[in-house]
Amino acid sequence: MNRIVGLLTVVGLLAVWAIPATRVVAAQSDATAQSGATVAFTKAEDARVCGVQTLLQEHAQAIPDRLLHAISLVESGRWDNDRRASFAWPWTVTAEGEGHFLPSKDAAIAFVAQLKGKGVTNIDVGCMQVNLQAHPDAFANLDQAFDPATNVAYGARFLVELRAGTSDWETAGAYYHSQTPSLAASYKAKLIAAWSAARSHGDDRTAVAASTPAVEAPIGMILPTPAQELATPDARAAAFNAKAKETEAELAAAAGAQRAKTAAERAEAKRIADAYRAARVAEYRAHKLQLVDAHG
């Protein structure tokens, strides 16, 4: 985890266009990340949370800078008219050929439960639009599926698995959507454009917005309004900065633990090598003595 770095606070949200949510194809899943207590986000935090999680996973999984972020924008990006920018939306659901930007985690969970009740199984969820039919073991439940950290972590692991079997990261990114050549080619073009735009300016995924972004209503749905926002912009900024510092501390601790683990593994490897060499030297000496004895 030698690429783990501290979080940088900069201004603005990423200025690329929103592209409709799309389907993630089948793949064998790893053991899924365990989700913690449910976090109640405000609308302003909702607009940032996918970006923060893609930043963390890019460092943790050694994924090229902003590639996972670009995939999230292609998958669940929505447009902010005021800021002229798009951002990945954590409560995105795609089913039956239509994407839906739900206003809250609870609303997204309820909507997916409703779809399942109607027999719909081909459903994409969350920041990374993980397909619940193609990845049946990805999450223990819908609460975990819509936990941004867990959702993005799964998408990151899936991308790394795809990279292991491909020649480059761009192809792995295209396969995140589909390994059917025609579908992968179309998706790859969108992804490369989004990735290029994301890298054309500073990384602003942890920026603290001065006000709640003005976002469009969910597609084709009438749902309850989002949870009450924090009282003031200053309060929102303070809460988000506190969380960013906490995450930075966790990253530093993880980096320290990784360094300690690496040092221990090297020490163990050296011990084994030294023991092997000592055994071979002892064997050689014993064999030499046998030869001396045999020849008087």
Protein backbone atom coordinates (compact mmCIF):
# COMPACT_ATOMS: atom_id res chain seq x y z
CA MET A 1 0.00 0.00 0.00
CA ASN A 2 2.95 2.26 -0.73
CA ARG A 3 0.78 4.55 -2.86
CA ILE A 4 -1.44 5.61 0.04
CA VAL A 5 -1.27 9.37 0.47
CA GLY A 6 -3.01 11.97 2.58
CA LEU A 7 -6.21 13.59 1.41
CA LEU A 8 -5.89 16.97 -0.33
CA THR A 9 -8.69 19.54 0.05
CA VAL A 10 -9.26 21.59 -3.12
CA VAL A 11 -12.19 23.46 -4.60
CA GLY A 12 -15.01 22.51 -6.99
CA LEU A 13 -16.60 19.33 -8.36
CA LEU A 14 -15.38 17.49 -11.45
CA ALA A 15 -16.46 19.17 -14.72
CA VAL A 16 -17.42 16.37 -17.09
CA TRP A 17 -20.78 15.44 -18.59
CA ALA A 18 -23.11 12.94 -17.00
CA ILE A 19 -23.51 9.67 -18.90
CA PRO A 20 -26.45 7.37 -18.10
CA ALA A 21 -25.91 4.55 -15.63
CA THR A 22 -25.00 1.27 -17.31
CA ARG A 23 -24.73 -2.42 -16.47
CA VAL A 24 -21.81 -4.22 -14.87
CA VAL A 25 -21.26 -7.70 -16.33
CA ALA A 26 -20.79 -11.00 -14.49
CA ALA A 27 -17.61 -11.92 -12.62
CA GLN A 28 -16.58 -14.11 -9.69
CA SER A 29 -16.74 -12.08 -6.50
CA ASP A 30 -14.21 -11.87 -3.69
CA ALA A 31 -15.32 -11.90 -0.07
CA THR A 32 -17.32 -8.71 0.29
CA ALA A 33 -16.33 -5.83 2.53
CA GLN A 34 -18.21 -5.63 5.82
CA SER A 35 -20.33 -2.52 6.15
CA GLY A 36 -20.50 -0.61 9.39
CA ALA A 37 -23.31 1.41 10.89
CA THR A 38 -25.58 3.18 8.44
CA VAL A 39 -24.49 6.77 7.83
CA ALA A 40 -27.12 9.46 7.22
CA PHE A 41 -25.66 11.76 4.56
CA THR A 42 -26.94 15.19 3.67
CA LYS A 43 -27.50 16.11 0.02
CA ALA A 44 -24.22 18.05 -0.17
CA GLU A 45 -22.29 15.11 1.24
CA ASP A 46 -24.13 12.72 -1.06
CA ALA A 47 -22.69 14.59 -4.05
CA ARG A 48 -19.14 14.04 -2.78
CA VAL A 49 -19.17 10.63 -1.16
CA CYS A 50 -18.62 8.52 -4.30
CA GLY A 51 -15.69 10.71 -5.30
CA VAL A 52 -14.07 10.43 -1.88
CA GLN A 53 -14.44 6.65 -1.91
CA THR A 54 -13.01 6.28 -5.43
CA LEU A 55 -10.02 8.36 -4.33
CA LEU A 56 -9.41 6.08 -1.35
CA GLN A 57 -9.78 2.89 -3.38
CA GLU A 58 -7.50 4.10 -6.17
CA HIS A 59 -4.74 4.50 -3.60
CA ALA A 60 -5.56 1.29 -1.73
CA GLN A 61 -5.81 -0.89 -4.87
CA ALA A 62 -3.04 0.82 -6.91
CA ILE A 63 -5.52 1.85 -9.62
CA PRO A 64 -4.37 4.64 -11.97
CA ASP A 65 -5.25 8.14 -10.85
CA ARG A 66 -8.92 8.97 -11.42
CA LEU A 67 -9.70 5.86 -13.51
CA LEU A 68 -12.12 4.45 -10.94
CA HIS A 69 -13.58 7.93 -10.52
CA ALA A 70 -14.15 8.16 -14.28
CA ILE A 71 -15.92 4.80 -14.28
CA SER A 72 -18.19 5.98 -11.48
CA LEU A 73 -19.07 9.09 -13.51
CA VAL A 74 -19.88 7.01 -16.57
CA GLU A 75 -21.92 4.62 -14.44
CA SER A 76 -23.83 6.90 -12.07
CA GLY A 77 -22.93 10.46 -13.07
CA ARG A 78 -25.56 13.18 -12.83
CA TRP A 79 -25.38 16.81 -13.90
CA ASP A 80 -25.31 19.84 -11.62
CA ASN A 81 -26.67 22.78 -13.61
CA ASP A 82 -25.36 25.43 -11.22
CA ARG A 83 -21.81 24.12 -11.17
CA ARG A 84 -21.75 22.93 -14.78
CA ALA A 85 -20.23 19.67 -13.58
CA SER A 86 -21.20 16.08 -12.99
CA PHE A 87 -20.74 13.85 -9.98
CA ALA A 88 -21.40 10.20 -9.21
CA TRP A 89 -24.63 9.73 -7.26
CA PRO A 90 -24.62 7.00 -4.55
CA TRP A 91 -28.38 6.35 -4.70
CA THR A 92 -28.52 5.52 -8.42
CA VAL A 93 -30.56 2.50 -9.54
CA THR A 94 -30.77 1.18 -13.10
CA ALA A 95 -33.35 -1.43 -14.07
CA GLU A 96 -35.42 -2.33 -17.10
CA GLY A 97 -33.32 -0.04 -19.27
CA GLU A 98 -33.86 3.11 -17.22
CA GLY A 99 -31.69 4.91 -14.70
CA HIS A 100 -33.17 6.44 -11.54
CA PHE A 101 -31.46 8.99 -9.28
CA LEU A 102 -33.12 8.38 -5.92
CA PRO A 103 -33.02 11.16 -3.31
CA SER A 104 -31.72 9.07 -0.39
CA LYS A 105 -30.31 5.71 0.61
CA ASP A 106 -33.61 4.64 2.18
CA ALA A 107 -35.49 5.58 -0.99
CA ALA A 108 -33.02 3.62 -3.12
CA ILE A 109 -33.33 0.52 -0.92
CA ALA A 110 -37.11 0.75 -0.99
CA PHE A 111 -37.14 1.13 -4.76
CA VAL A 112 -34.92 -1.93 -5.30
CA ALA A 113 -37.06 -3.95 -2.90
CA GLN A 114 -40.10 -2.89 -4.93
CA LEU A 115 -38.40 -3.98 -8.17
CA LYS A 116 -37.47 -7.34 -6.68
CA GLY A 117 -41.04 -7.76 -5.50
CA LYS A 118 -42.13 -7.44 -9.13
CA GLY A 119 -39.64 -10.13 -10.18
CA VAL A 120 -37.01 -7.77 -11.62
CA THR A 121 -33.51 -9.19 -11.03
CA ASN A 122 -31.28 -7.31 -13.47
CA ILE A 123 -30.60 -4.28 -11.26
CA ASP A 124 -27.55 -2.00 -11.01
CA VAL A 125 -26.94 -0.18 -7.75
CA GLY A 126 -24.85 2.54 -6.17
CA CYS A 127 -21.81 4.62 -7.08
CA MET A 128 -20.30 1.86 -9.22
CA GLN A 129 -23.60 0.42 -10.54
CA VAL A 130 -22.79 -3.13 -9.43
CA ASN A 131 -25.27 -5.53 -11.05
CA LEU A 132 -27.04 -7.59 -8.39
CA GLN A 133 -27.85 -10.38 -10.84
CA ALA A 134 -24.32 -10.71 -12.21
CA HIS A 135 -22.73 -10.31 -8.77
CA PRO A 136 -25.12 -12.14 -6.41
CA ASP A 137 -22.53 -12.51 -3.65
CA ALA A 138 -21.22 -8.96 -3.76
CA PHE A 139 -23.26 -7.71 -0.79
CA ALA A 140 -24.93 -9.30 2.19
CA ASN A 141 -28.00 -7.09 1.84
CA LEU A 142 -29.29 -3.91 0.20
CA ASP A 143 -28.08 -1.74 3.06
CA GLN A 144 -24.55 -2.91 2.31
CA ALA A 145 -25.08 -2.60 -1.45
CA PHE A 146 -25.89 1.10 -1.02
CA ASP A 147 -23.11 1.76 1.47
CA PRO A 148 -20.80 3.94 -0.68
CA ALA A 149 -17.57 2.62 0.83
CA THR A 150 -18.60 -1.02 0.33
CA ASN A 151 -20.02 -0.43 -3.13
CA VAL A 152 -16.93 1.38 -4.40
CA ALA A 153 -14.58 -1.14 -2.75
CA TYR A 154 -16.32 -3.98 -4.58
CA GLY A 155 -16.17 -2.12 -7.88
CA ALA A 156 -12.45 -1.47 -7.32
CA ARG A 157 -11.72 -5.13 -6.63
CA PHE A 158 -13.69 -6.15 -9.71
CA LEU A 159 -11.69 -3.70 -11.86
CA VAL A 160 -8.39 -5.04 -10.47
CA GLU A 161 -9.52 -8.61 -11.26
CA LEU A 162 -10.31 -7.55 -14.82
CA ARG A 163 -6.92 -5.84 -15.17
CA ALA A 164 -5.17 -9.09 -14.20
CA GLY A 165 -6.62 -10.73 -17.31
CA THR A 166 -6.20 -7.85 -19.78
CA SER A 167 -3.36 -5.99 -21.46
CA ASP A 168 -4.07 -2.51 -20.07
CA TRP A 169 -6.26 -0.53 -17.69
CA GLU A 170 -8.37 1.01 -20.48
CA THR A 171 -9.44 -2.45 -21.63
CA ALA A 172 -10.13 -3.51 -18.05
CA GLY A 173 -12.30 -0.40 -17.68
CA ALA A 174 -14.22 -1.29 -20.83
CA TYR A 175 -14.73 -4.84 -19.56
CA TYR A 176 -16.18 -3.39 -16.36
CA HIS A 177 -19.24 -2.70 -18.49
CA SER A 178 -19.17 -5.68 -20.86
CA GLN A 179 -16.78 -8.11 -22.50
CA THR A 180 -18.94 -8.18 -25.63
CA PRO A 181 -16.65 -6.46 -28.18
CA SER A 182 -19.18 -4.00 -29.59
CA LEU A 183 -20.47 -2.94 -26.17
CA ALA A 184 -16.98 -2.75 -24.68
CA ALA A 185 -15.74 -0.56 -27.56
CA SER A 186 -18.56 1.96 -27.17
CA TYR A 187 -18.12 2.08 -23.40
CA LYS A 188 -14.33 2.39 -23.72
CA ALA A 189 -14.69 5.53 -25.83
CA LYS A 190 -16.93 7.14 -23.20
CA LEU A 191 -14.61 6.06 -20.40
CA ILE A 192 -11.45 7.38 -22.04
CA ALA A 193 -13.15 10.73 -22.67
CA ALA A 194 -14.33 10.96 -19.05
CA TRP A 195 -10.92 9.89 -17.72
CA SER A 196 -9.12 12.42 -19.90
CA ALA A 197 -11.44 15.19 -18.72
CA ALA A 198 -10.95 14.17 -15.09
CA ARG A 199 -7.17 14.36 -15.42
CA SER A 200 -7.22 17.69 -17.24
CA HIS A 201 -7.33 19.65 -13.97
CA GLY A 202 -6.61 19.20 -10.27
CA ASP A 203 -8.21 16.38 -8.31
CA ASP A 204 -11.09 17.98 -6.41
CA ARG A 205 -12.94 14.96 -5.07
CA THR A 206 -12.56 15.96 -1.42
CA ALA A 207 -13.56 19.58 -1.95
CA VAL A 208 -16.04 21.08 0.49
CA ALA A 209 -18.85 22.81 -1.37
CA ALA A 210 -20.08 26.14 -0.03
CA SER A 211 -23.68 25.16 -0.62
CA THR A 212 -25.82 22.21 -1.52
CA PRO A 213 -25.66 21.43 -5.26
CA ALA A 214 -28.83 22.05 -7.26
CA VAL A 215 -29.66 18.69 -8.81
CA GLU A 216 -32.47 17.53 -11.04
CA ALA A 217 -35.36 15.40 -9.78
CA PRO A 218 -35.16 11.60 -9.98
CA ILE A 219 -35.96 10.22 -13.42
CA GLY A 220 -39.62 9.29 -13.75
CA MET A 221 -40.27 9.13 -10.01
CA ILE A 222 -41.93 11.10 -7.22
CA LEU A 223 -40.24 10.31 -3.94
CA PRO A 224 -39.80 11.88 -0.49
CA THR A 225 -37.42 14.82 -0.24
CA PRO A 226 -33.83 14.16 0.88
CA ALA A 227 -32.85 14.16 4.55
CA GLN A 228 -32.61 17.56 6.24
CA GLU A 229 -29.32 19.25 5.45
CA LEU A 230 -26.92 20.47 8.12
CA ALA A 231 -27.92 23.89 9.40
CA THR A 232 -25.22 26.01 7.72
CA PRO A 233 -22.50 25.73 5.10
CA ASP A 234 -19.90 26.14 7.86
CA ALA A 235 -21.40 23.24 9.78
CA ARG A 236 -21.41 21.07 6.67
CA ALA A 237 -17.80 21.98 5.94
CA ALA A 238 -16.72 21.27 9.51
CA ALA A 239 -18.45 17.88 9.51
CA PHE A 240 -16.95 16.87 6.19
CA ASN A 241 -13.45 18.07 7.11
CA ALA A 242 -13.64 16.09 10.36
CA LYS A 243 -14.53 12.99 8.38
CA ALA A 244 -11.69 13.67 5.92
CA LYS A 245 -9.20 13.95 8.79
CA GLU A 246 -10.50 10.72 10.28
CA THR A 247 -10.10 8.98 6.93
CA GLU A 248 -6.60 10.39 6.51
CA ALA A 249 -5.66 9.02 9.92
CA GLU A 250 -7.06 5.63 8.95
CA LEU A 251 -5.00 5.66 5.75
CA ALA A 252 -1.85 6.57 7.68
CA ALA A 253 -2.51 3.76 10.16
CA ALA A 254 -3.12 1.32 7.32
CA ALA A 255 0.10 2.40 5.63
CA GLY A 256 2.01 1.88 8.89
CA ALA A 257 0.48 -1.54 9.36
CA GLN A 258 1.39 -2.47 5.78
CA ARG A 259 4.99 -1.36 6.29
CA ALA A 260 5.21 -3.40 9.48
CA LYS A 261 3.74 -6.43 7.72
CA THR A 262 6.19 -6.06 4.84
CA ALA A 263 9.14 -5.80 7.25
CA ALA A 264 7.96 -8.90 9.11
CA GLU A 265 7.55 -10.84 5.87
CA ARG A 266 11.05 -9.85 4.75
CA ALA A 267 12.50 -10.86 8.11
CA GLU A 268 10.76 -14.23 7.90
CA ALA A 269 11.97 -14.76 4.34
CA LYS A 270 15.54 -13.95 5.44
CA ARG A 271 15.26 -16.36 8.37
CA ILE A 272 14.08 -19.15 6.07
CA ALA A 273 16.84 -18.42 3.55
CA ASP A 274 19.49 -18.34 6.25
CA ALA A 275 18.23 -21.62 7.69
CA TYR A 276 18.27 -23.20 4.23
CA ARG A 277 21.82 -22.04 3.57
CA ALA A 278 22.97 -23.29 6.97
CA ALA A 279 21.39 -26.69 6.32
CA ARG A 280 23.06 -26.95 2.91
CA VAL A 281 26.45 -25.99 4.37
CA ALA A 282 26.04 -28.59 7.12
CA GLU A 283 25.04 -31.17 4.51
CA TYR A 284 28.08 -30.32 2.38
CA ARG A 285 30.44 -30.59 5.32
CA ALA A 286 28.97 -33.92 6.39
CA HIS A 287 29.31 -35.24 2.85
CA LYS A 288 32.92 -34.04 2.68
CA LEU A 289 33.73 -35.82 5.94
CA GLN A 290 32.20 -39.01 4.56
CA LEU A 291 34.43 -38.76 1.50
CA VAL A 292 37.51 -38.24 3.67
CA ASP A 293 36.62 -41.23 5.83
CA ALA A 294 35.93 -43.38 2.76
CA HIS A 295 39.40 -42.66 1.33
CA GLY A 296 41.19 -43.15 4.63
